[in-house]
Amino acid sequence: MSNLAVNTLINNDEEIHKAAELLKVLSHPIRLKIICQLGHAEKTVQQLIDSVGSTQSNVSQHLAIMRNNKVLQYRKNATQVLYSVSEKAAIDLVQLLKKIYC
């Protein structure tokens, strides 16, 4: 990345704030796992509980945090609640993390 690109990013307070908020939301291992599990497809709460390996209460708390911060969206289908990623930058960030750590 050129110095100009870095300076532009640093000087744009709105984008810095947005990036910092997304990093805060994704900074918990369970929330990061949830984003990884959702990818580009929606899943039910039960599917997320099963794949994340935590309790229903714990997963629900993390889903609420991500929903309140507009990282996730949900829809109801009869008695099921299905979640999907609404913030594309969250997927991009996870893909970048995969390149770095995997």
C-alpha atoms as a PDB file:
ATOM      1  CA  MET A   1       0.000   0.000   0.000  1.00  0.00           C
ATOM      2  CA  SER A   2       1.424   3.384  -0.937  1.00  0.00           C
ATOM      3  CA  ASN A   3       1.993   6.155   1.610  1.00  0.00           C
ATOM      4  CA  LEU A   4      -0.754   8.160  -0.106  1.00  0.00           C
ATOM      5  CA  ALA A   5      -3.271   5.338   0.431  1.00  0.00           C
ATOM      6  CA  VAL A   6      -2.294   4.978   4.089  1.00  0.00           C
ATOM      7  CA  ASN A   7      -2.516   8.731   4.672  1.00  0.00           C
ATOM      8  CA  THR A   8      -5.905   8.874   2.963  1.00  0.00           C
ATOM      9  CA  LEU A   9      -7.231   6.080   5.166  1.00  0.00           C
ATOM     10  CA  ILE A  10      -5.839   7.633   8.315  1.00  0.00           C
ATOM     11  CA  ASN A  11      -7.271  11.050   7.449  1.00  0.00           C
ATOM     12  CA  ASN A  12     -10.774   9.694   6.852  1.00  0.00           C
ATOM     13  CA  ASP A  13     -12.187   9.623  10.380  1.00  0.00           C
ATOM     14  CA  GLU A  14     -15.541   8.231   9.290  1.00  0.00           C
ATOM     15  CA  GLU A  15     -13.983   5.169   7.665  1.00  0.00           C
ATOM     16  CA  ILE A  16     -11.568   4.673  10.569  1.00  0.00           C
ATOM     17  CA  HIS A  17     -14.493   4.742  13.008  1.00  0.00           C
ATOM     18  CA  LYS A  18     -16.494   2.298  10.880  1.00  0.00           C
ATOM     19  CA  ALA A  19     -13.528  -0.108  10.639  1.00  0.00           C
ATOM     20  CA  ALA A  20     -12.859   0.119  14.383  1.00  0.00           C
ATOM     21  CA  GLU A  21     -16.505  -0.632  15.197  1.00  0.00           C
ATOM     22  CA  LEU A  22     -16.505  -3.679  12.909  1.00  0.00           C
ATOM     23  CA  LEU A  23     -13.275  -4.923  14.485  1.00  0.00           C
ATOM     24  CA  LYS A  24     -14.826  -4.508  17.962  1.00  0.00           C
ATOM     25  CA  VAL A  25     -17.901  -6.482  16.964  1.00  0.00           C
ATOM     26  CA  LEU A  26     -15.850  -9.306  15.446  1.00  0.00           C
ATOM     27  CA  SER A  27     -13.204  -9.365  18.173  1.00  0.00           C
ATOM     28  CA  HIS A  28     -14.818 -12.226  20.114  1.00  0.00           C
ATOM     29  CA  PRO A  29     -13.984 -15.800  19.012  1.00  0.00           C
ATOM     30  CA  ILE A  30     -17.634 -16.912  19.003  1.00  0.00           C
ATOM     31  CA  ARG A  31     -18.719 -13.959  16.881  1.00  0.00           C
ATOM     32  CA  LEU A  32     -15.874 -14.640  14.476  1.00  0.00           C
ATOM     33  CA  LYS A  33     -16.952 -18.297  14.294  1.00  0.00           C
ATOM     34  CA  ILE A  34     -20.521 -17.230  13.556  1.00  0.00           C
ATOM     35  CA  ILE A  35     -19.398 -15.041  10.651  1.00  0.00           C
ATOM     36  CA  CYS A  36     -17.262 -17.902   9.327  1.00  0.00           C
ATOM     37  CA  GLN A  37     -20.234 -20.269   9.538  1.00  0.00           C
ATOM     38  CA  LEU A  38     -22.610 -17.891   7.809  1.00  0.00           C
ATOM     39  CA  GLY A  39     -20.304 -17.019   4.931  1.00  0.00           C
ATOM     40  CA  HIS A  40     -22.638 -16.204   2.059  1.00  0.00           C
ATOM     41  CA  ALA A  41     -25.539 -18.435   3.162  1.00  0.00           C
ATOM     42  CA  GLU A  42     -28.141 -17.967   5.857  1.00  0.00           C
ATOM     43  CA  LYS A  43     -28.428 -20.434   8.716  1.00  0.00           C
ATOM     44  CA  THR A  44     -30.861 -21.093  11.514  1.00  0.00           C
ATOM     45  CA  VAL A  45     -29.999 -20.333  15.093  1.00  0.00           C
ATOM     46  CA  GLN A  46     -29.857 -24.061  15.830  1.00  0.00           C
ATOM     47  CA  GLN A  47     -27.421 -24.651  12.967  1.00  0.00           C
ATOM     48  CA  LEU A  48     -25.204 -21.903  14.359  1.00  0.00           C
ATOM     49  CA  ILE A  49     -25.394 -23.338  17.878  1.00  0.00           C
ATOM     50  CA  ASP A  50     -24.394 -26.763  16.565  1.00  0.00           C
ATOM     51  CA  SER A  51     -21.526 -25.465  14.444  1.00  0.00           C
ATOM     52  CA  VAL A  52     -20.129 -22.976  16.971  1.00  0.00           C
ATOM     53  CA  GLY A  53     -20.258 -25.426  19.861  1.00  0.00           C
ATOM     54  CA  SER A  54     -21.705 -23.182  22.546  1.00  0.00           C
ATOM     55  CA  THR A  55     -24.951 -22.847  24.451  1.00  0.00           C
ATOM     56  CA  GLN A  56     -28.134 -21.411  22.993  1.00  0.00           C
ATOM     57  CA  SER A  57     -28.021 -18.521  25.450  1.00  0.00           C
ATOM     58  CA  ASN A  58     -24.422 -17.641  24.627  1.00  0.00           C
ATOM     59  CA  VAL A  59     -24.909 -17.813  20.851  1.00  0.00           C
ATOM     60  CA  SER A  60     -28.099 -15.748  21.115  1.00  0.00           C
ATOM     61  CA  GLN A  61     -26.248 -13.030  23.028  1.00  0.00           C
ATOM     62  CA  HIS A  62     -23.565 -12.845  20.348  1.00  0.00           C
ATOM     63  CA  LEU A  63     -26.145 -12.842  17.554  1.00  0.00           C
ATOM     64  CA  ALA A  64     -27.899  -9.921  19.248  1.00  0.00           C
ATOM     65  CA  ILE A  65     -24.656  -7.940  19.476  1.00  0.00           C
ATOM     66  CA  MET A  66     -23.966  -8.460  15.775  1.00  0.00           C
ATOM     67  CA  ARG A  67     -27.571  -7.740  14.823  1.00  0.00           C
ATOM     68  CA  ASN A  68     -27.625  -4.524  16.894  1.00  0.00           C
ATOM     69  CA  ASN A  69     -24.426  -3.415  15.163  1.00  0.00           C
ATOM     70  CA  LYS A  70     -25.937  -4.187  11.756  1.00  0.00           C
ATOM     71  CA  VAL A  71     -23.380  -6.884  10.918  1.00  0.00           C
ATOM     72  CA  LEU A  72     -26.130  -9.516  10.731  1.00  0.00           C
ATOM     73  CA  GLN A  73     -29.709  -9.486   9.591  1.00  0.00           C
ATOM     74  CA  TYR A  74     -32.398 -12.038  10.240  1.00  0.00           C
ATOM     75  CA  ARG A  75     -35.734 -13.183   8.968  1.00  0.00           C
ATOM     76  CA  LYS A  76     -38.376 -15.405  10.477  1.00  0.00           C
ATOM     77  CA  ASN A  77     -39.656 -18.467   8.691  1.00  0.00           C
ATOM     78  CA  ALA A  78     -42.524 -19.924  10.725  1.00  0.00           C
ATOM     79  CA  THR A  79     -40.858 -20.874  14.026  1.00  0.00           C
ATOM     80  CA  GLN A  80     -37.279 -20.588  12.765  1.00  0.00           C
ATOM     81  CA  VAL A  81     -35.048 -17.521  12.769  1.00  0.00           C
ATOM     82  CA  LEU A  82     -32.526 -17.436   9.935  1.00  0.00           C
ATOM     83  CA  TYR A  83     -29.442 -15.224  10.065  1.00  0.00           C
ATOM     84  CA  SER A  84     -27.267 -13.862   7.284  1.00  0.00           C
ATOM     85  CA  VAL A  85     -24.417 -11.386   7.012  1.00  0.00           C
ATOM     86  CA  SER A  86     -25.566  -7.885   6.116  1.00  0.00           C
ATOM     87  CA  GLU A  87     -22.150  -6.199   6.324  1.00  0.00           C
ATOM     88  CA  LYS A  88     -20.049  -7.345   3.352  1.00  0.00           C
ATOM     89  CA  ALA A  89     -16.898  -5.966   4.971  1.00  0.00           C
ATOM     90  CA  ALA A  90     -17.248  -8.661   7.681  1.00  0.00           C
ATOM     91  CA  ILE A  91     -16.938 -11.382   5.025  1.00  0.00           C
ATOM     92  CA  ASP A  92     -14.013  -9.561   3.396  1.00  0.00           C
ATOM     93  CA  LEU A  93     -12.274  -9.308   6.757  1.00  0.00           C
ATOM     94  CA  VAL A  94     -12.741 -13.007   7.507  1.00  0.00           C
ATOM     95  CA  GLN A  95     -11.362 -13.890   4.066  1.00  0.00           C
ATOM     96  CA  LEU A  96      -8.327 -11.713   4.748  1.00  0.00           C
ATOM     97  CA  LEU A  97      -7.830 -13.345   8.147  1.00  0.00           C
ATOM     98  CA  LYS A  98      -8.024 -16.761   6.483  1.00  0.00           C
ATOM     99  CA  LYS A  99      -5.227 -15.765   4.077  1.00  0.00           C
ATOM    100  CA  ILE A 100      -3.074 -14.605   6.971  1.00  0.00           C
ATOM    101  CA  TYR A 101      -3.703 -17.431   9.467  1.00  0.00           C
ATOM    102  CA  CYS A 102      -4.639 -20.485   7.422  1.00  0.00           C
END
